[in-house]
């Protein structure tokens, strides 16, 4: 299994954010046009993607057939979750999606809960610590 991760170097904050968003966009565009790779596990957790990152994912994820597993947890997708899940649900090659910790609120009990649900394509979705 080939795994793919994305690491960003810290730098000048305003300029760095723009560059980071472009890098993520180019990564997903490349995976969308790829014809040789498959079964990738893409970990974009804790990358501070926010709304701009959600838009990039929504735009390119359905074409990125190389991705088998996607971790987009802990990215402050609070306001983008519904449209993001609908977009990711169109990616037929995706078998696992991690969405946890994308809301500012914490659970009342403070306990970690691991919950999964399935898209109609059979994709398991980890929503642990979703709230």
C-alpha atoms as a PDB file:
ATOM      1  CA  UNK A   1       0.000   0.000   0.000  1.00  0.00           C
ATOM      2  CA  UNK A   2       1.441   3.355  -1.017  1.00  0.00           C
ATOM      3  CA  UNK A   3       0.782   6.111   1.490  1.00  0.00           C
ATOM      4  CA  UNK A   4       0.821   9.809   0.734  1.00  0.00           C
ATOM      5  CA  UNK A   5       1.104  12.583   3.291  1.00  0.00           C
ATOM      6  CA  UNK A   6       1.330  16.325   3.006  1.00  0.00           C
ATOM      7  CA  UNK A   7       3.647  18.326   5.220  1.00  0.00           C
ATOM      8  CA  UNK A   8       3.808  22.101   5.182  1.00  0.00           C
ATOM      9  CA  UNK A   9       6.713  24.202   6.376  1.00  0.00           C
ATOM     10  CA  UNK A  10       5.925  27.189   8.518  1.00  0.00           C
ATOM     11  CA  UNK A  11       6.860  30.595   7.222  1.00  0.00           C
ATOM     12  CA  UNK A  12       5.329  33.997   6.775  1.00  0.00           C
ATOM     13  CA  UNK A  13       1.767  33.323   7.798  1.00  0.00           C
ATOM     14  CA  UNK A  14      -0.255  35.228   5.170  1.00  0.00           C
ATOM     15  CA  UNK A  15       1.950  34.258   2.222  1.00  0.00           C
ATOM     16  CA  UNK A  16       2.362  30.737   3.562  1.00  0.00           C
ATOM     17  CA  UNK A  17      -1.411  30.109   3.666  1.00  0.00           C
ATOM     18  CA  UNK A  18      -1.799  31.053   0.000  1.00  0.00           C
ATOM     19  CA  UNK A  19       1.086  28.811  -1.008  1.00  0.00           C
ATOM     20  CA  UNK A  20      -0.257  25.953   1.097  1.00  0.00           C
ATOM     21  CA  UNK A  21      -3.691  26.192  -0.511  1.00  0.00           C
ATOM     22  CA  UNK A  22      -2.093  26.086  -3.962  1.00  0.00           C
ATOM     23  CA  UNK A  23      -0.019  23.057  -2.995  1.00  0.00           C
ATOM     24  CA  UNK A  24      -3.119  21.190  -1.831  1.00  0.00           C
ATOM     25  CA  UNK A  25      -4.975  22.172  -4.972  1.00  0.00           C
ATOM     26  CA  UNK A  26      -2.121  20.978  -7.194  1.00  0.00           C
ATOM     27  CA  UNK A  27      -1.848  17.731  -5.211  1.00  0.00           C
ATOM     28  CA  UNK A  28      -5.538  16.936  -5.706  1.00  0.00           C
ATOM     29  CA  UNK A  29      -5.457  18.026  -9.350  1.00  0.00           C
ATOM     30  CA  UNK A  30      -2.515  15.701  -9.927  1.00  0.00           C
ATOM     31  CA  UNK A  31      -4.304  12.814  -8.259  1.00  0.00           C
ATOM     32  CA  UNK A  32      -7.423  13.578 -10.308  1.00  0.00           C
ATOM     33  CA  UNK A  33      -5.497  13.270 -13.581  1.00  0.00           C
ATOM     34  CA  UNK A  34      -3.398  10.297 -12.461  1.00  0.00           C
ATOM     35  CA  UNK A  35      -3.751   7.058 -14.413  1.00  0.00           C
ATOM     36  CA  UNK A  36      -0.991   4.987 -12.789  1.00  0.00           C
ATOM     37  CA  UNK A  37      -1.431   5.189  -9.011  1.00  0.00           C
ATOM     38  CA  UNK A  38      -4.237   3.632  -7.004  1.00  0.00           C
ATOM     39  CA  UNK A  39      -5.058   2.698  -3.431  1.00  0.00           C
ATOM     40  CA  UNK A  40      -3.465   5.786  -1.875  1.00  0.00           C
ATOM     41  CA  UNK A  41      -4.031   6.795   1.732  1.00  0.00           C
ATOM     42  CA  UNK A  42      -4.030  10.591   1.853  1.00  0.00           C
ATOM     43  CA  UNK A  43      -3.656  12.145   5.312  1.00  0.00           C
ATOM     44  CA  UNK A  44      -4.561  15.841   5.354  1.00  0.00           C
ATOM     45  CA  UNK A  45      -5.441  15.889   9.043  1.00  0.00           C
ATOM     46  CA  UNK A  46      -4.567  18.953  11.127  1.00  0.00           C
ATOM     47  CA  UNK A  47      -3.536  21.020   8.086  1.00  0.00           C
ATOM     48  CA  UNK A  48      -5.803  23.999   8.916  1.00  0.00           C
ATOM     49  CA  UNK A  49      -7.606  23.602   5.589  1.00  0.00           C
ATOM     50  CA  UNK A  50     -10.708  25.554   6.681  1.00  0.00           C
ATOM     51  CA  UNK A  51     -13.155  26.798   4.035  1.00  0.00           C
ATOM     52  CA  UNK A  52     -10.570  27.311   1.270  1.00  0.00           C
ATOM     53  CA  UNK A  53      -9.304  23.746   1.688  1.00  0.00           C
ATOM     54  CA  UNK A  54     -12.846  22.374   1.758  1.00  0.00           C
ATOM     55  CA  UNK A  55     -13.528  24.094  -1.551  1.00  0.00           C
ATOM     56  CA  UNK A  56     -10.410  22.551  -3.117  1.00  0.00           C
ATOM     57  CA  UNK A  57     -11.420  19.094  -1.889  1.00  0.00           C
ATOM     58  CA  UNK A  58     -14.993  19.558  -3.129  1.00  0.00           C
ATOM     59  CA  UNK A  59     -13.751  20.597  -6.549  1.00  0.00           C
ATOM     60  CA  UNK A  60     -11.323  17.723  -7.150  1.00  0.00           C
ATOM     61  CA  UNK A  61     -12.086  14.745  -4.900  1.00  0.00           C
ATOM     62  CA  UNK A  62     -14.642  13.008  -7.120  1.00  0.00           C
ATOM     63  CA  UNK A  63     -12.061  12.780  -9.930  1.00  0.00           C
ATOM     64  CA  UNK A  64      -9.201  11.602  -7.686  1.00  0.00           C
ATOM     65  CA  UNK A  65      -9.685   7.873  -8.248  1.00  0.00           C
ATOM     66  CA  UNK A  66      -6.236   7.051  -6.826  1.00  0.00           C
ATOM     67  CA  UNK A  67      -7.380   7.823  -3.261  1.00  0.00           C
ATOM     68  CA  UNK A  68      -8.647   4.847  -1.249  1.00  0.00           C
ATOM     69  CA  UNK A  69      -8.470   6.438   2.206  1.00  0.00           C
ATOM     70  CA  UNK A  70      -8.762  10.127   3.109  1.00  0.00           C
ATOM     71  CA  UNK A  71      -8.167  11.675   6.527  1.00  0.00           C
ATOM     72  CA  UNK A  72      -9.394  15.268   6.702  1.00  0.00           C
ATOM     73  CA  UNK A  73      -9.943  15.373  10.453  1.00  0.00           C
ATOM     74  CA  UNK A  74      -9.130  18.420  12.578  1.00  0.00           C
ATOM     75  CA  UNK A  75      -9.361  21.040   9.809  1.00  0.00           C
ATOM     76  CA  UNK A  76     -12.076  23.437  11.060  1.00  0.00           C
ATOM     77  CA  UNK A  77     -14.655  22.422   8.448  1.00  0.00           C
ATOM     78  CA  UNK A  78     -17.554  23.487  10.712  1.00  0.00           C
ATOM     79  CA  UNK A  79     -19.461  25.502   8.112  1.00  0.00           C
ATOM     80  CA  UNK A  80     -18.491  23.324   5.151  1.00  0.00           C
ATOM     81  CA  UNK A  81     -19.241  19.854   6.471  1.00  0.00           C
ATOM     82  CA  UNK A  82     -22.509  19.181   4.623  1.00  0.00           C
ATOM     83  CA  UNK A  83     -21.264  20.152   1.167  1.00  0.00           C
ATOM     84  CA  UNK A  84     -17.903  18.502   1.839  1.00  0.00           C
ATOM     85  CA  UNK A  85     -19.491  15.166   2.768  1.00  0.00           C
ATOM     86  CA  UNK A  86     -21.731  15.301  -0.306  1.00  0.00           C
ATOM     87  CA  UNK A  87     -18.715  15.938  -2.552  1.00  0.00           C
ATOM     88  CA  UNK A  88     -16.571  13.253  -0.965  1.00  0.00           C
ATOM     89  CA  UNK A  89     -19.483  10.828  -1.277  1.00  0.00           C
ATOM     90  CA  UNK A  90     -19.150  11.030  -5.071  1.00  0.00           C
ATOM     91  CA  UNK A  91     -15.598   9.644  -4.969  1.00  0.00           C
ATOM     92  CA  UNK A  92     -16.233   6.005  -5.894  1.00  0.00           C
ATOM     93  CA  UNK A  93     -12.688   4.818  -5.159  1.00  0.00           C
ATOM     94  CA  UNK A  94     -12.811   6.055  -1.556  1.00  0.00           C
ATOM     95  CA  UNK A  95     -13.206   3.273   1.021  1.00  0.00           C
ATOM     96  CA  UNK A  96     -12.428   5.138   4.238  1.00  0.00           C
ATOM     97  CA  UNK A  97     -12.957   8.759   5.270  1.00  0.00           C
ATOM     98  CA  UNK A  98     -11.930  10.279   8.617  1.00  0.00           C
ATOM     99  CA  UNK A  99     -13.829  13.475   9.511  1.00  0.00           C
ATOM    100  CA  UNK A 100     -13.326  13.809  13.271  1.00  0.00           C
ATOM    101  CA  UNK A 101     -12.540  16.963  15.246  1.00  0.00           C
ATOM    102  CA  UNK A 102     -13.895  19.441  12.711  1.00  0.00           C
ATOM    103  CA  UNK A 103     -16.039  21.411  15.137  1.00  0.00           C
ATOM    104  CA  UNK A 104     -14.955  23.784  17.885  1.00  0.00           C
ATOM    105  CA  UNK A 105     -17.298  22.185  20.451  1.00  0.00           C
ATOM    106  CA  UNK A 106     -16.391  19.134  22.532  1.00  0.00           C
ATOM    107  CA  UNK A 107     -18.672  16.325  23.581  1.00  0.00           C
ATOM    108  CA  UNK A 108     -20.469  16.772  26.903  1.00  0.00           C
ATOM    109  CA  UNK A 109     -18.948  13.661  28.438  1.00  0.00           C
ATOM    110  CA  UNK A 110     -15.457  14.460  27.191  1.00  0.00           C
ATOM    111  CA  UNK A 111     -15.050  10.843  26.155  1.00  0.00           C
ATOM    112  CA  UNK A 112     -13.682   9.728  22.826  1.00  0.00           C
ATOM    113  CA  UNK A 113     -16.282   7.940  20.815  1.00  0.00           C
ATOM    114  CA  UNK A 114     -15.535   6.087  17.627  1.00  0.00           C
ATOM    115  CA  UNK A 115     -18.481   5.978  15.295  1.00  0.00           C
ATOM    116  CA  UNK A 116     -18.652   4.826  11.717  1.00  0.00           C
ATOM    117  CA  UNK A 117     -21.309   5.030   9.070  1.00  0.00           C
ATOM    118  CA  UNK A 118     -21.369   3.975   5.446  1.00  0.00           C
ATOM    119  CA  UNK A 119     -22.098   5.747   2.197  1.00  0.00           C
ATOM    120  CA  UNK A 120     -24.132   3.729  -0.271  1.00  0.00           C
ATOM    121  CA  UNK A 121     -20.833   2.878  -2.022  1.00  0.00           C
ATOM    122  CA  UNK A 122     -19.645   1.047   1.113  1.00  0.00           C
ATOM    123  CA  UNK A 123     -17.232   3.751   2.247  1.00  0.00           C
ATOM    124  CA  UNK A 124     -16.635   3.705   5.991  1.00  0.00           C
ATOM    125  CA  UNK A 125     -16.518   7.123   7.578  1.00  0.00           C
ATOM    126  CA  UNK A 126     -14.848   7.779  10.921  1.00  0.00           C
ATOM    127  CA  UNK A 127     -16.706  10.594  12.651  1.00  0.00           C
ATOM    128  CA  UNK A 128     -15.022  10.206  16.028  1.00  0.00           C
ATOM    129  CA  UNK A 129     -14.946  13.438  17.953  1.00  0.00           C
ATOM    130  CA  UNK A 130     -17.009  15.092  15.233  1.00  0.00           C
ATOM    131  CA  UNK A 131     -18.391  17.489  17.812  1.00  0.00           C
END
